[in-house]
Amino acid sequence: MLSISLSIGPVNTQMQTDERLSFDGIETLLNRASITTLTMFNAHLGAMVKYENYDEDHECEECQALNEETE
C-alpha cells in the first residue's frame, strides 16, 4: 500500500492506493499530489486577498502572516 500525504499550511492532499506501482507510477502520484496541493494553497491565499477578508479572524498561520504583512 502506498499512502501520500502533503500539507502546505491549511491545505492537505492525501492519496492512497493498494496497487503495485512502478517508480514512474509513484513519481506521477507525487507530482499530482504536489501540483494539487500547491494549486489549492494558491487558491486559498488568493481568495484571502481577492475578497479582502484578511482583516477578519484567521484560522491558519499563513493567513495571519498575510494579515500582518498588509497592515
PDB file of N, CA and C in Angstrom:
ATOM      1  N   MET A   1       0.836  -1.178   0.000  1.00  0.00           N
ATOM      2  CA  MET A   1       0.000   0.000   0.000  1.00  0.00           C
ATOM      3  C   MET A   1       0.885   1.246   0.000  1.00  0.00           C
ATOM      4  N   LEU A   2       0.533   2.217  -0.833  1.00  0.00           N
ATOM      5  CA  LEU A   2       1.232   3.487  -0.883  1.00  0.00           C
ATOM      6  C   LEU A   2       0.285   4.558  -0.371  1.00  0.00           C
ATOM      7  N   SER A   3       0.751   5.366   0.560  1.00  0.00           N
ATOM      8  CA  SER A   3      -0.033   6.457   1.115  1.00  0.00           C
ATOM      9  C   SER A   3       0.811   7.726   1.063  1.00  0.00           C
ATOM     10  N   ILE A   4       0.271   8.764   0.427  1.00  0.00           N
ATOM     11  CA  ILE A   4       0.961  10.039   0.294  1.00  0.00           C
ATOM     12  C   ILE A   4       0.108  11.100   0.967  1.00  0.00           C
ATOM     13  N   SER A   5       0.727  11.880   1.824  1.00  0.00           N
ATOM     14  CA  SER A   5       0.039  12.991   2.467  1.00  0.00           C
ATOM     15  C   SER A   5       0.933  14.219   2.401  1.00  0.00           C
ATOM     16  N   LEU A   6       0.456  15.262   1.706  1.00  0.00           N
ATOM     17  CA  LEU A   6       1.210  16.503   1.565  1.00  0.00           C
ATOM     18  C   LEU A   6       0.407  17.632   2.194  1.00  0.00           C
ATOM     19  N   SER A   7       1.075  18.448   2.998  1.00  0.00           N
ATOM     20  CA  SER A   7       0.414  19.584   3.634  1.00  0.00           C
ATOM     21  C   SER A   7       1.222  20.845   3.398  1.00  0.00           C
ATOM     22  N   ILE A   8       0.520  21.890   3.014  1.00  0.00           N
ATOM     23  CA  ILE A   8       1.092  23.229   2.928  1.00  0.00           C
ATOM     24  C   ILE A   8       0.089  24.138   3.624  1.00  0.00           C
ATOM     25  N   GLY A   9       0.486  24.650   4.776  1.00  0.00           N
ATOM     26  CA  GLY A   9      -0.439  25.484   5.544  1.00  0.00           C
ATOM     27  C   GLY A   9      -1.698  24.711   5.859  1.00  0.00           C
ATOM     28  N   PRO A  10      -2.854  25.298   5.568  1.00  0.00           N
ATOM     29  CA  PRO A  10      -4.117  24.639   5.899  1.00  0.00           C
ATOM     30  C   PRO A  10      -4.581  23.620   4.855  1.00  0.00           C
ATOM     31  N   VAL A  11      -3.829  23.493   3.763  1.00  0.00           N
ATOM     32  CA  VAL A  11      -4.222  22.598   2.668  1.00  0.00           C
ATOM     33  C   VAL A  11      -3.517  21.259   2.828  1.00  0.00           C
ATOM     34  N   ASN A  12      -4.292  20.181   2.746  1.00  0.00           N
ATOM     35  CA  ASN A  12      -3.749  18.834   2.894  1.00  0.00           C
ATOM     36  C   ASN A  12      -4.291  17.960   1.767  1.00  0.00           C
ATOM     37  N   THR A  13      -3.395  17.279   1.061  1.00  0.00           N
ATOM     38  CA  THR A  13      -3.780  16.351   0.000  1.00  0.00           C
ATOM     39  C   THR A  13      -3.336  14.954   0.400  1.00  0.00           C
ATOM     40  N   GLN A  14      -4.252  13.997   0.294  1.00  0.00           N
ATOM     41  CA  GLN A  14      -3.942  12.611   0.639  1.00  0.00           C
ATOM     42  C   GLN A  14      -4.293  11.714  -0.535  1.00  0.00           C
ATOM     43  N   MET A  15      -3.378  10.803  -0.844  1.00  0.00           N
ATOM     44  CA  MET A  15      -3.595   9.811  -1.893  1.00  0.00           C
ATOM     45  C   MET A  15      -3.194   8.454  -1.352  1.00  0.00           C
ATOM     46  N   GLN A  16      -4.011   7.442  -1.647  1.00  0.00           N
ATOM     47  CA  GLN A  16      -3.711   6.080  -1.217  1.00  0.00           C
ATOM     48  C   GLN A  16      -4.032   5.117  -2.347  1.00  0.00           C
ATOM     49  N   THR A  17      -3.235   4.070  -2.413  1.00  0.00           N
ATOM     50  CA  THR A  17      -3.501   3.020  -3.392  1.00  0.00           C
ATOM     51  C   THR A  17      -3.006   1.678  -2.858  1.00  0.00           C
ATOM     52  N   ASP A  18      -3.694   0.633  -3.247  1.00  0.00           N
ATOM     53  CA  ASP A  18      -3.274  -0.728  -2.916  1.00  0.00           C
ATOM     54  C   ASP A  18      -2.607  -1.402  -4.107  1.00  0.00           C
ATOM     55  N   GLU A  19      -2.543  -0.688  -5.222  1.00  0.00           N
ATOM     56  CA  GLU A  19      -1.978  -1.244  -6.445  1.00  0.00           C
ATOM     57  C   GLU A  19      -0.453  -1.284  -6.372  1.00  0.00           C
ATOM     58  N   ARG A  20       0.124  -2.230  -7.080  1.00  0.00           N
ATOM     59  CA  ARG A  20       1.586  -2.264  -7.224  1.00  0.00           C
ATOM     60  C   ARG A  20       1.962  -1.205  -8.237  1.00  0.00           C
ATOM     61  N   LEU A  21       2.938  -0.388  -7.889  1.00  0.00           N
ATOM     62  CA  LEU A  21       3.316   0.720  -8.750  1.00  0.00           C
ATOM     63  C   LEU A  21       4.788   0.641  -9.137  1.00  0.00           C
ATOM     64  N   SER A  22       5.063   1.063 -10.341  1.00  0.00           N
ATOM     65  CA  SER A  22       6.455   1.206 -10.771  1.00  0.00           C
ATOM     66  C   SER A  22       6.967   2.543 -10.220  1.00  0.00           C
ATOM     67  N   PHE A  23       8.251   2.773 -10.379  1.00  0.00           N
ATOM     68  CA  PHE A  23       8.811   4.050  -9.942  1.00  0.00           C
ATOM     69  C   PHE A  23       8.174   5.205 -10.710  1.00  0.00           C
ATOM     70  N   ASP A  24       7.876   4.994 -11.974  1.00  0.00           N
ATOM     71  CA  ASP A  24       7.212   6.042 -12.764  1.00  0.00           C
ATOM     72  C   ASP A  24       5.813   6.318 -12.217  1.00  0.00           C
ATOM     73  N   GLY A  25       5.111   5.286 -11.805  1.00  0.00           N
ATOM     74  CA  GLY A  25       3.786   5.459 -11.214  1.00  0.00           C
ATOM     75  C   GLY A  25       3.836   6.243  -9.916  1.00  0.00           C
ATOM     76  N   ILE A  26       4.824   5.936  -9.092  1.00  0.00           N
ATOM     77  CA  ILE A  26       4.990   6.660  -7.822  1.00  0.00           C
ATOM     78  C   ILE A  26       5.338   8.120  -8.104  1.00  0.00           C
ATOM     79  N   GLU A  27       6.225   8.348  -9.063  1.00  0.00           N
ATOM     80  CA  GLU A  27       6.595   9.718  -9.414  1.00  0.00           C
ATOM     81  C   GLU A  27       5.388  10.502  -9.922  1.00  0.00           C
ATOM     82  N   THR A  28       4.550   9.855 -10.718  1.00  0.00           N
ATOM     83  CA  THR A  28       3.343  10.506 -11.234  1.00  0.00           C
ATOM     84  C   THR A  28       2.409  10.893 -10.091  1.00  0.00           C
ATOM     85  N   LEU A  29       2.200   9.995  -9.140  1.00  0.00           N
ATOM     86  CA  LEU A  29       1.334  10.314  -7.999  1.00  0.00           C
ATOM     87  C   LEU A  29       1.912  11.439  -7.152  1.00  0.00           C
ATOM     88  N   LEU A  30       3.220  11.442  -6.935  1.00  0.00           N
ATOM     89  CA  LEU A  30       3.852  12.531  -6.178  1.00  0.00           C
ATOM     90  C   LEU A  30       3.689  13.870  -6.899  1.00  0.00           C
ATOM     91  N   ASN A  31       3.869  13.864  -8.211  1.00  0.00           N
ATOM     92  CA  ASN A  31       3.688  15.094  -8.985  1.00  0.00           C
ATOM     93  C   ASN A  31       2.255  15.588  -8.909  1.00  0.00           C
ATOM     94  N   ARG A  32       1.292  14.689  -9.049  1.00  0.00           N
ATOM     95  CA  ARG A  32      -0.120  15.086  -8.979  1.00  0.00           C
ATOM     96  C   ARG A  32      -0.472  15.637  -7.597  1.00  0.00           C
ATOM     97  N   ALA A  33       0.006  14.985  -6.558  1.00  0.00           N
ATOM     98  CA  ALA A  33      -0.265  15.448  -5.202  1.00  0.00           C
ATOM     99  C   ALA A  33       0.365  16.815  -4.964  1.00  0.00           C
ATOM    100  N   SER A  34       1.581  17.004  -5.434  1.00  0.00           N
ATOM    101  CA  SER A  34       2.271  18.292  -5.264  1.00  0.00           C
ATOM    102  C   SER A  34       1.548  19.407  -5.999  1.00  0.00           C
ATOM    103  N   ILE A  35       1.205  19.168  -7.247  1.00  0.00           N
ATOM    104  CA  ILE A  35       0.523  20.184  -8.047  1.00  0.00           C
ATOM    105  C   ILE A  35      -0.832  20.523  -7.445  1.00  0.00           C
ATOM    106  N   THR A  36      -1.583  19.518  -7.022  1.00  0.00           N
ATOM    107  CA  THR A  36      -2.894  19.747  -6.424  1.00  0.00           C
ATOM    108  C   THR A  36      -2.777  20.560  -5.150  1.00  0.00           C
ATOM    109  N   THR A  37      -1.832  20.206  -4.282  1.00  0.00           N
ATOM    110  CA  THR A  37      -1.663  20.912  -3.017  1.00  0.00           C
ATOM    111  C   THR A  37      -1.245  22.358  -3.252  1.00  0.00           C
ATOM    112  N   LEU A  38      -0.293  22.591  -4.146  1.00  0.00           N
ATOM    113  CA  LEU A  38       0.145  23.953  -4.437  1.00  0.00           C
ATOM    114  C   LEU A  38      -0.961  24.790  -5.079  1.00  0.00           C
ATOM    115  N   THR A  39      -1.750  24.179  -5.957  1.00  0.00           N
ATOM    116  CA  THR A  39      -2.863  24.888  -6.588  1.00  0.00           C
ATOM    117  C   THR A  39      -3.906  25.298  -5.563  1.00  0.00           C
ATOM    118  N   MET A  40      -4.245  24.383  -4.670  1.00  0.00           N
ATOM    119  CA  MET A  40      -5.244  24.698  -3.642  1.00  0.00           C
ATOM    120  C   MET A  40      -4.716  25.732  -2.650  1.00  0.00           C
ATOM    121  N   PHE A  41      -3.443  25.675  -2.311  1.00  0.00           N
ATOM    122  CA  PHE A  41      -2.856  26.663  -1.408  1.00  0.00           C
ATOM    123  C   PHE A  41      -2.877  28.042  -2.063  1.00  0.00           C
ATOM    124  N   ASN A  42      -2.536  28.096  -3.350  1.00  0.00           N
ATOM    125  CA  ASN A  42      -2.580  29.347  -4.075  1.00  0.00           C
ATOM    126  C   ASN A  42      -4.004  29.906  -4.113  1.00  0.00           C
ATOM    127  N   ALA A  43      -4.980  29.046  -4.328  1.00  0.00           N
ATOM    128  CA  ALA A  43      -6.378  29.483  -4.337  1.00  0.00           C
ATOM    129  C   ALA A  43      -6.802  29.985  -2.960  1.00  0.00           C
ATOM    130  N   HIS A  44      -6.318  29.330  -1.920  1.00  0.00           N
ATOM    131  CA  HIS A  44      -6.653  29.731  -0.546  1.00  0.00           C
ATOM    132  C   HIS A  44      -6.149  31.139  -0.268  1.00  0.00           C
ATOM    133  N   LEU A  45      -4.871  31.400  -0.553  1.00  0.00           N
ATOM    134  CA  LEU A  45      -4.317  32.730  -0.303  1.00  0.00           C
ATOM    135  C   LEU A  45      -4.892  33.757  -1.270  1.00  0.00           C
ATOM    136  N   GLY A  46      -5.134  33.355  -2.513  1.00  0.00           N
ATOM    137  CA  GLY A  46      -5.728  34.269  -3.488  1.00  0.00           C
ATOM    138  C   GLY A  46      -7.111  34.723  -3.071  1.00  0.00           C
ATOM    139  N   ALA A  47      -7.897  33.824  -2.519  1.00  0.00           N
ATOM    140  CA  ALA A  47      -9.230  34.182  -2.049  1.00  0.00           C
ATOM    141  C   ALA A  47      -9.156  35.142  -0.876  1.00  0.00           C
ATOM    142  N   MET A  48      -8.151  34.973  -0.031  1.00  0.00           N
ATOM    143  CA  MET A  48      -7.996  35.872   1.113  1.00  0.00           C
ATOM    144  C   MET A  48      -7.775  37.302   0.638  1.00  0.00           C
ATOM    145  N   VAL A  49      -6.957  37.472  -0.401  1.00  0.00           N
ATOM    146  CA  VAL A  49      -6.668  38.811  -0.911  1.00  0.00           C
ATOM    147  C   VAL A  49      -7.828  39.324  -1.750  1.00  0.00           C
ATOM    148  N   LYS A  50      -8.369  38.467  -2.616  1.00  0.00           N
ATOM    149  CA  LYS A  50      -9.429  38.882  -3.531  1.00  0.00           C
ATOM    150  C   LYS A  50     -10.652  39.400  -2.789  1.00  0.00           C
ATOM    151  N   TYR A  51     -11.055  38.710  -1.765  1.00  0.00           N
ATOM    152  CA  TYR A  51     -12.262  39.094  -1.047  1.00  0.00           C
ATOM    153  C   TYR A  51     -11.970  39.982   0.155  1.00  0.00           C
ATOM    154  N   GLU A  52     -10.698  40.351   0.309  1.00  0.00           N
ATOM    155  CA  GLU A  52     -10.273  41.277   1.345  1.00  0.00           C
ATOM    156  C   GLU A  52     -10.804  40.913   2.726  1.00  0.00           C
ATOM    157  N   ASN A  53     -10.860  39.604   3.007  1.00  0.00           N
ATOM    158  CA  ASN A  53     -11.299  39.174   4.335  1.00  0.00           C
ATOM    159  C   ASN A  53     -10.104  38.821   5.206  1.00  0.00           C
ATOM    160  N   TYR A  54      -8.921  39.310   4.829  1.00  0.00           N
ATOM    161  CA  TYR A  54      -7.739  39.014   5.615  1.00  0.00           C
ATOM    162  C   TYR A  54      -7.686  39.826   6.899  1.00  0.00           C
ATOM    163  N   ASP A  55      -8.605  40.769   7.080  1.00  0.00           N
ATOM    164  CA  ASP A  55      -8.628  41.515   8.338  1.00  0.00           C
ATOM    165  C   ASP A  55      -9.603  40.906   9.344  1.00  0.00           C
ATOM    166  N   GLU A  56     -10.199  39.789   8.985  1.00  0.00           N
ATOM    167  CA  GLU A  56     -11.114  39.096   9.882  1.00  0.00           C
ATOM    168  C   GLU A  56     -10.362  38.028  10.671  1.00  0.00           C
ATOM    169  N   ASP A  57     -11.088  37.272  11.465  1.00  0.00           N
ATOM    170  CA  ASP A  57     -10.480  36.220  12.270  1.00  0.00           C
ATOM    171  C   ASP A  57      -9.889  35.147  11.352  1.00  0.00           C
ATOM    172  N   HIS A  58      -8.675  34.690  11.653  1.00  0.00           N
ATOM    173  CA  HIS A  58      -7.962  33.740  10.796  1.00  0.00           C
ATOM    174  C   HIS A  58      -7.796  32.402  11.497  1.00  0.00           C
ATOM    175  N   GLU A  59      -7.827  31.341  10.682  1.00  0.00           N
ATOM    176  CA  GLU A  59      -7.665  30.007  11.220  1.00  0.00           C
ATOM    177  C   GLU A  59      -6.278  29.433  10.959  1.00  0.00           C
ATOM    178  N   CYS A  60      -5.552  29.975   9.997  1.00  0.00           N
ATOM    179  CA  CYS A  60      -4.261  29.396   9.659  1.00  0.00           C
ATOM    180  C   CYS A  60      -3.135  30.412   9.843  1.00  0.00           C
ATOM    181  N   GLU A  61      -1.945  29.907  10.050  1.00  0.00           N
ATOM    182  CA  GLU A  61      -0.785  30.772  10.272  1.00  0.00           C
ATOM    183  C   GLU A  61      -0.455  31.607   9.038  1.00  0.00           C
ATOM    184  N   GLU A  62      -0.629  31.037   7.837  1.00  0.00           N
ATOM    185  CA  GLU A  62      -0.330  31.762   6.619  1.00  0.00           C
ATOM    186  C   GLU A  62      -1.264  32.968   6.470  1.00  0.00           C
ATOM    187  N   CYS A  63      -2.535  32.812   6.835  1.00  0.00           N
ATOM    188  CA  CYS A  63      -3.487  33.908   6.743  1.00  0.00           C
ATOM    189  C   CYS A  63      -3.141  34.991   7.753  1.00  0.00           C
ATOM    190  N   GLN A  64      -2.718  34.586   8.929  1.00  0.00           N
ATOM    191  CA  GLN A  64      -2.306  35.557   9.941  1.00  0.00           C
ATOM    192  C   GLN A  64      -1.075  36.318   9.472  1.00  0.00           C
ATOM    193  N   ALA A  65      -0.126  35.624   8.853  1.00  0.00           N
ATOM    194  CA  ALA A  65       1.081  36.285   8.336  1.00  0.00           C
ATOM    195  C   ALA A  65       0.720  37.254   7.225  1.00  0.00           C
ATOM    196  N   LEU A  66      -0.191  36.867   6.341  1.00  0.00           N
ATOM    197  CA  LEU A  66      -0.635  37.745   5.266  1.00  0.00           C
ATOM    198  C   LEU A  66      -1.299  38.980   5.840  1.00  0.00           C
ATOM    199  N   ASN A  67      -2.095  38.823   6.862  1.00  0.00           N
ATOM    200  CA  ASN A  67      -2.759  39.934   7.516  1.00  0.00           C
ATOM    201  C   ASN A  67      -1.738  40.893   8.117  1.00  0.00           C
ATOM    202  N   GLU A  68      -0.713  40.361   8.756  1.00  0.00           N
ATOM    203  CA  GLU A  68       0.317  41.202   9.361  1.00  0.00           C
ATOM    204  C   GLU A  68       1.119  41.951   8.303  1.00  0.00           C
ATOM    205  N   GLU A  69       1.348  41.330   7.136  1.00  0.00           N
ATOM    206  CA  GLU A  69       2.095  41.983   6.062  1.00  0.00           C
ATOM    207  C   GLU A  69       1.315  43.121   5.442  1.00  0.00           C
ATOM    208  N   THR A  70       0.001  43.000   5.384  1.00  0.00           N
ATOM    209  CA  THR A  70      -0.817  44.020   4.724  1.00  0.00           C
ATOM    210  C   THR A  70      -1.146  45.190   5.641  1.00  0.00           C
ATOM    211  N   GLU A  71      -0.890  45.073   6.911  1.00  0.00           N
ATOM    212  CA  GLU A  71      -1.183  46.164   7.837  1.00  0.00           C
ATOM    213  C   GLU A  71      -0.114  47.222   7.823  1.00  0.00           C
TER     214      GLU A  71
END
